[in-house]
């Protein structure tokens, strides 16, 4: 396929090289021409602007720092929109804003150009290995057209829904990943200050339910998606007891644990509702109530 690729930084550069390894013909652009050296050495063609990249391309891909950059490259004076022809597909691989992607989608639709948001996750190592997770939003038939191409950059390519859905999935993932690091930091500082060697603590956590990934593999699909909070695997009252013991230990050793304290308050609210004999996942219902949405599988 004839592909235009814009943005050859730490993520975009390796992704573009993997597309070339897969046999695709690339035209490339970056604000730093030196970033394109390995691609040009490998046979890629240089273009002087995003508009020029889009001319003749069947698929245009961007990997850029953020929403403002994507919008400028897509819709600016020398943007993709001025070079793409009807039937061209444009997919943004950046971590973007769903609002921006929907605005771009509307503008390109007037010209008969298809738009997908296709953010990736897996870091620079994943970009080099071609093992990224690609989360795609847009029209499903268009996704199917480029799914095979995207597999050159990611071995997990999933369809998330309508335009913007890929970006939403990426933002939710990053939020969970980033915030959970702070809670883990609280736990490790508590454990080490209370006398456990960090290596031993890591081994314990890896081998227990959290480290085994049971939240994603069991709790969400088997409990939350089914709304089955009354089948008790681990009672809320016992979980409340455990987190209380942990925060008491933190006070004993003067370890600040704001996130754990907040979690304890949520559990206390659930206990006040009389949910102590429900499953320990029952506080999930409080968040659903506050957000006015239920997280249930459709089938």
Protein backbone atom coordinates (compact mmCIF):
# COMPACT_ATOMS: atom_id res chain seq x y z
CA UNK A 1 0.00 0.00 0.00
CA UNK A 2 1.11 3.59 -0.65
CA UNK A 3 1.39 5.14 2.80
CA UNK A 4 2.14 8.68 3.88
CA UNK A 5 3.67 8.90 7.36
CA UNK A 6 3.99 12.14 9.33
CA UNK A 7 5.88 12.32 12.63
CA UNK A 8 9.06 10.26 12.91
CA UNK A 9 9.85 10.65 16.60
CA UNK A 10 10.48 7.98 19.21
CA UNK A 11 7.21 6.21 18.41
CA UNK A 12 6.54 7.21 14.82
CA UNK A 13 10.04 6.48 13.54
CA UNK A 14 10.04 2.77 14.48
CA UNK A 15 6.43 2.32 13.35
CA UNK A 16 7.27 3.75 9.93
CA UNK A 17 10.27 1.44 9.63
CA UNK A 18 8.10 -1.56 10.47
CA UNK A 19 5.65 -0.58 7.76
CA UNK A 20 8.54 -0.47 5.31
CA UNK A 21 9.72 -3.89 6.47
CA UNK A 22 6.23 -5.18 5.74
CA UNK A 23 6.62 -4.09 2.12
CA UNK A 24 4.68 -0.83 2.04
CA UNK A 25 5.89 2.17 0.05
CA UNK A 26 6.28 5.20 2.31
CA UNK A 27 6.35 8.94 1.76
CA UNK A 28 7.43 10.67 4.96
CA UNK A 29 7.56 14.07 6.63
CA UNK A 30 8.79 15.39 9.96
CA UNK A 31 9.66 18.88 11.20
CA UNK A 32 13.20 17.52 11.64
CA UNK A 33 14.35 16.08 8.35
CA UNK A 34 17.23 14.26 10.07
CA UNK A 35 14.63 12.05 11.77
CA UNK A 36 13.81 10.59 8.38
CA UNK A 37 17.36 9.46 7.57
CA UNK A 38 16.86 5.72 8.27
CA UNK A 39 13.62 5.77 6.31
CA UNK A 40 15.11 7.60 3.34
CA UNK A 41 18.12 5.27 3.44
CA UNK A 42 15.67 2.38 3.27
CA UNK A 43 13.89 3.72 0.20
CA UNK A 44 11.20 6.05 1.54
CA UNK A 45 10.39 9.28 -0.30
CA UNK A 46 10.62 12.68 1.38
CA UNK A 47 7.78 15.21 1.13
CA UNK A 48 8.02 18.89 2.03
CA UNK A 49 4.70 19.19 3.87
CA UNK A 50 1.78 17.14 5.21
CA UNK A 51 -0.17 18.22 2.13
CA UNK A 52 2.51 16.78 -0.11
CA UNK A 53 2.60 13.55 1.93
CA UNK A 54 -1.12 13.04 1.31
CA UNK A 55 -0.89 13.41 -2.46
CA UNK A 56 -1.05 9.95 -3.99
CA UNK A 57 -1.26 8.16 -0.64
CA UNK A 58 -3.90 5.50 -0.06
CA UNK A 59 -3.38 5.72 3.68
CA UNK A 60 -1.98 8.65 5.69
CA UNK A 61 -0.74 8.06 9.23
CA UNK A 62 0.30 10.62 11.84
CA UNK A 63 2.21 10.13 15.09
CA UNK A 64 2.41 13.48 16.82
CA UNK A 65 2.83 14.96 20.34
CA UNK A 66 -0.74 16.07 20.99
CA UNK A 67 -4.11 17.42 19.81
CA UNK A 68 -2.89 20.85 18.68
CA UNK A 69 -0.18 19.26 16.52
CA UNK A 70 -2.62 16.77 14.99
CA UNK A 71 -5.16 19.46 14.19
CA UNK A 72 -2.55 21.69 12.59
CA UNK A 73 -1.12 18.85 10.49
CA UNK A 74 -4.56 17.65 9.46
CA UNK A 75 -6.38 20.94 8.84
CA UNK A 76 -3.68 23.66 8.63
CA UNK A 77 -2.70 25.67 5.53
CA UNK A 78 -0.37 22.90 4.30
CA UNK A 79 -2.37 20.16 5.97
CA UNK A 80 -3.34 16.68 4.93
CA UNK A 81 -6.85 17.81 4.03
CA UNK A 82 -5.48 19.85 1.11
CA UNK A 83 -3.64 16.90 -0.42
CA UNK A 84 -5.90 13.95 0.24
CA UNK A 85 -8.34 12.87 -2.45
CA UNK A 86 -11.72 11.18 -2.04
CA UNK A 87 -11.28 7.58 -0.89
CA UNK A 88 -8.05 8.26 0.99
CA UNK A 89 -7.93 6.96 4.56
CA UNK A 90 -6.36 9.07 7.30
CA UNK A 91 -5.58 7.43 10.67
CA UNK A 92 -4.04 9.24 13.62
CA UNK A 93 -1.82 7.10 15.85
CA UNK A 94 -1.26 9.84 18.45
CA UNK A 95 -2.70 10.16 21.93
CA UNK A 96 -5.27 12.76 21.02
CA UNK A 97 -8.59 14.30 22.02
CA UNK A 98 -11.81 12.61 20.86
CA UNK A 99 -13.32 16.06 20.34
CA UNK A 100 -10.48 17.01 18.00
CA UNK A 101 -10.78 13.70 16.13
CA UNK A 102 -14.50 14.22 15.62
CA UNK A 103 -13.86 17.73 14.30
CA UNK A 104 -11.24 16.39 11.88
CA UNK A 105 -13.56 13.56 10.87
CA UNK A 106 -16.35 16.03 10.00
CA UNK A 107 -14.03 18.23 7.93
CA UNK A 108 -12.54 15.31 6.00
CA UNK A 109 -15.93 13.70 5.42
CA UNK A 110 -16.95 16.73 3.35
CA UNK A 111 -14.08 15.88 1.01
CA UNK A 112 -14.86 12.17 0.88
CA UNK A 113 -11.80 11.25 2.95
CA UNK A 114 -12.19 8.59 5.64
CA UNK A 115 -10.82 9.19 9.15
CA UNK A 116 -9.88 6.76 11.93
CA UNK A 117 -8.44 7.47 15.34
CA UNK A 118 -5.94 4.70 16.07
CA UNK A 119 -3.82 5.50 19.14
CA UNK A 120 -1.19 2.98 20.16
CA UNK A 121 0.16 1.74 23.47
CA UNK A 122 3.25 -0.25 24.32
CA UNK A 123 5.99 2.34 24.47
CA UNK A 124 9.12 2.76 22.38
CA UNK A 125 10.05 -0.89 22.88
CA UNK A 126 6.68 -1.97 21.53
CA UNK A 127 7.03 0.43 18.60
CA UNK A 128 10.40 -1.09 17.69
CA UNK A 129 9.16 -4.66 18.08
CA UNK A 130 5.89 -4.05 16.27
CA UNK A 131 4.03 -5.32 19.33
CA UNK A 132 1.85 -2.31 20.10
CA UNK A 133 -1.82 -2.35 21.05
CA UNK A 134 -3.72 -0.33 18.44
CA UNK A 135 -7.15 0.99 19.49
CA UNK A 136 -9.20 2.04 16.48
CA UNK A 137 -12.30 4.21 16.24
CA UNK A 138 -14.26 5.06 13.10
CA UNK A 139 -16.37 3.28 10.51
CA UNK A 140 -15.88 -0.46 10.88
CA UNK A 141 -15.63 -1.23 7.12
CA UNK A 142 -12.79 1.31 6.85
CA UNK A 143 -11.10 -0.26 9.88
CA UNK A 144 -11.29 -3.64 8.13
CA UNK A 145 -9.57 -2.16 5.07
CA UNK A 146 -6.48 -1.13 7.02
CA UNK A 147 -6.49 -3.70 9.82
CA UNK A 148 -3.86 -5.81 8.09
CA UNK A 149 -1.63 -2.78 7.50
CA UNK A 150 -1.86 -1.75 11.14
CA UNK A 151 -0.70 -5.21 12.17
CA UNK A 152 2.74 -4.17 10.92
CA UNK A 153 2.95 -1.77 13.88
CA UNK A 154 0.92 -3.69 16.46
CA UNK A 155 0.18 -7.35 17.02
CA UNK A 156 -3.02 -6.37 18.86
CA UNK A 157 -5.29 -4.30 16.62
CA UNK A 158 -8.78 -3.82 18.04
CA UNK A 159 -11.92 -2.04 16.89
CA UNK A 160 -13.28 0.16 19.70
CA UNK A 161 -16.34 1.73 18.03
CA UNK A 162 -17.27 4.95 16.26
CA UNK A 163 -14.91 7.88 15.66
CA UNK A 164 -13.22 8.94 18.90
CA UNK A 165 -13.67 5.56 20.58
CA UNK A 166 -10.06 4.56 20.03
CA UNK A 167 -8.86 7.76 21.66
CA UNK A 168 -11.24 7.31 24.59
CA UNK A 169 -9.93 3.77 25.14
CA UNK A 170 -6.34 5.03 25.09
CA UNK A 171 -7.04 7.85 27.55
CA UNK A 172 -8.82 5.48 29.94
CA UNK A 173 -5.90 3.04 29.74
CA UNK A 174 -3.33 5.73 30.41
CA UNK A 175 -5.32 7.17 33.30
CA UNK A 176 -5.58 3.76 34.97
CA UNK A 177 -1.92 2.98 34.33
CA UNK A 178 -0.58 6.32 35.55
CA UNK A 179 -2.75 6.68 38.65
CA UNK A 180 -2.25 3.07 39.74
CA UNK A 181 1.50 3.75 39.91
CA UNK A 182 0.88 6.19 42.76
CA UNK A 183 -1.08 3.60 44.73
CA UNK A 184 1.64 1.02 44.14
CA UNK A 185 4.21 3.57 45.34
CA UNK A 186 2.19 3.99 48.55
CA UNK A 187 2.17 0.24 49.09
CA UNK A 188 5.88 -0.26 48.45
CA UNK A 189 6.97 2.62 50.67
CA UNK A 190 4.75 1.25 53.44
CA UNK A 191 6.06 -2.29 53.04
CA UNK A 192 9.72 -1.30 52.94
CA UNK A 193 9.47 1.18 55.83
CA UNK A 194 7.67 -1.46 57.91
CA UNK A 195 10.54 -3.90 57.33
CA UNK A 196 9.99 -5.96 54.17
CA UNK A 197 12.78 -6.06 51.58
CA UNK A 198 11.59 -4.57 48.28
CA UNK A 199 12.61 -7.66 46.30
CA UNK A 200 10.58 -9.88 48.61
CA UNK A 201 7.60 -7.54 48.46
CA UNK A 202 7.69 -7.53 44.67
CA UNK A 203 7.78 -11.33 44.64
CA UNK A 204 4.79 -11.50 46.99
CA UNK A 205 2.71 -9.07 44.94
CA UNK A 206 3.60 -10.73 41.65
CA UNK A 207 2.46 -14.09 42.94
CA UNK A 208 -0.77 -12.95 44.61
CA UNK A 209 -4.13 -12.08 43.04
CA UNK A 210 -3.22 -8.54 41.93
CA UNK A 211 0.03 -9.68 40.31
CA UNK A 212 -1.78 -12.52 38.57
CA UNK A 213 -4.00 -9.96 36.86
CA UNK A 214 -7.26 -11.26 38.32
CA UNK A 215 -8.84 -7.79 38.22
CA UNK A 216 -8.79 -7.79 34.41
CA UNK A 217 -9.08 -11.52 33.77
CA UNK A 218 -11.78 -12.33 36.31
CA UNK A 219 -13.27 -9.47 38.33
CA UNK A 220 -14.32 -7.20 35.46
CA UNK A 221 -15.63 -9.80 32.97
CA UNK A 222 -17.13 -12.24 35.50
CA UNK A 223 -18.41 -9.88 38.19
CA UNK A 224 -18.81 -6.32 36.91
CA UNK A 225 -19.91 -7.07 33.34
CA UNK A 226 -22.55 -9.46 34.76
CA UNK A 227 -23.54 -7.20 37.66
CA UNK A 228 -23.01 -10.15 39.99
CA UNK A 229 -22.03 -8.37 43.20
CA UNK A 230 -24.05 -10.68 45.45
CA UNK A 231 -22.06 -13.86 44.75
CA UNK A 232 -19.37 -13.50 47.39
CA UNK A 233 -15.83 -14.50 46.47
CA UNK A 234 -14.25 -12.22 49.08
CA UNK A 235 -16.66 -10.32 51.31
CA UNK A 236 -16.61 -6.54 51.41
CA UNK A 237 -16.47 -6.55 55.22
CA UNK A 238 -13.23 -8.55 55.06
CA UNK A 239 -11.75 -6.23 52.44
CA UNK A 240 -12.73 -3.26 54.60
CA UNK A 241 -10.95 -4.89 57.53
CA UNK A 242 -7.80 -5.45 55.47
CA UNK A 243 -7.52 -1.92 54.12
CA UNK A 244 -8.14 -0.61 57.63
CA UNK A 245 -5.24 -2.68 58.93
CA UNK A 246 -3.03 -1.33 56.13
CA UNK A 247 -3.87 2.32 56.80
CA UNK A 248 -3.37 1.75 60.54
CA UNK A 249 0.07 0.34 59.76
CA UNK A 250 0.78 3.43 57.66
CA UNK A 251 -0.08 5.69 60.58
CA UNK A 252 2.18 3.64 62.84
CA UNK A 253 5.13 4.18 60.47
CA UNK A 254 4.21 7.72 59.37
CA UNK A 255 3.75 6.75 55.74
CA UNK A 256 1.40 9.10 53.85
CA UNK A 257 -1.14 7.09 51.86
CA UNK A 258 -3.75 9.52 50.43
CA UNK A 259 -5.00 7.16 47.74
CA UNK A 260 -5.38 4.24 50.14
CA UNK A 261 -7.19 6.55 52.56
CA UNK A 262 -9.60 7.60 49.83
CA UNK A 263 -10.19 3.95 48.96
CA UNK A 264 -10.93 3.24 52.60
CA UNK A 265 -13.50 6.06 52.68
CA UNK A 266 -15.25 4.59 49.63
CA UNK A 267 -15.38 1.19 51.35
CA UNK A 268 -16.79 2.81 54.47
CA UNK A 269 -19.58 4.36 52.41
CA UNK A 270 -20.34 0.95 50.90
CA UNK A 271 -20.40 -0.59 54.39
CA UNK A 272 -22.78 2.17 55.54
CA UNK A 273 -25.12 1.09 52.75
CA UNK A 274 -25.29 -2.34 54.36
CA UNK A 275 -23.21 -4.05 51.70
CA UNK A 276 -20.76 -5.79 54.03
CA UNK A 277 -21.93 -9.25 53.00
CA UNK A 278 -21.74 -8.47 49.29
CA UNK A 279 -18.62 -9.17 47.24
CA UNK A 280 -15.64 -6.88 47.80
CA UNK A 281 -16.22 -5.46 44.32
CA UNK A 282 -19.52 -3.88 45.47
CA UNK A 283 -18.03 -0.35 45.87
CA UNK A 284 -17.92 -0.37 42.05
CA UNK A 285 -21.67 0.33 42.32
CA UNK A 286 -20.96 3.65 44.05
CA UNK A 287 -18.89 4.86 41.11
CA UNK A 288 -21.56 3.71 38.67
CA UNK A 289 -24.17 5.59 40.68
CA UNK A 290 -22.08 8.78 40.69
CA UNK A 291 -21.28 8.51 36.98
CA UNK A 292 -24.87 7.55 36.09
CA UNK A 293 -23.77 4.63 33.95
CA UNK A 294 -23.56 0.87 34.37
CA UNK A 295 -20.59 -1.09 33.09
CA UNK A 296 -22.26 -4.25 31.76
CA UNK A 297 -21.41 -6.47 28.82
CA UNK A 298 -23.92 -6.19 25.96
CA UNK A 299 -24.27 -9.94 25.55
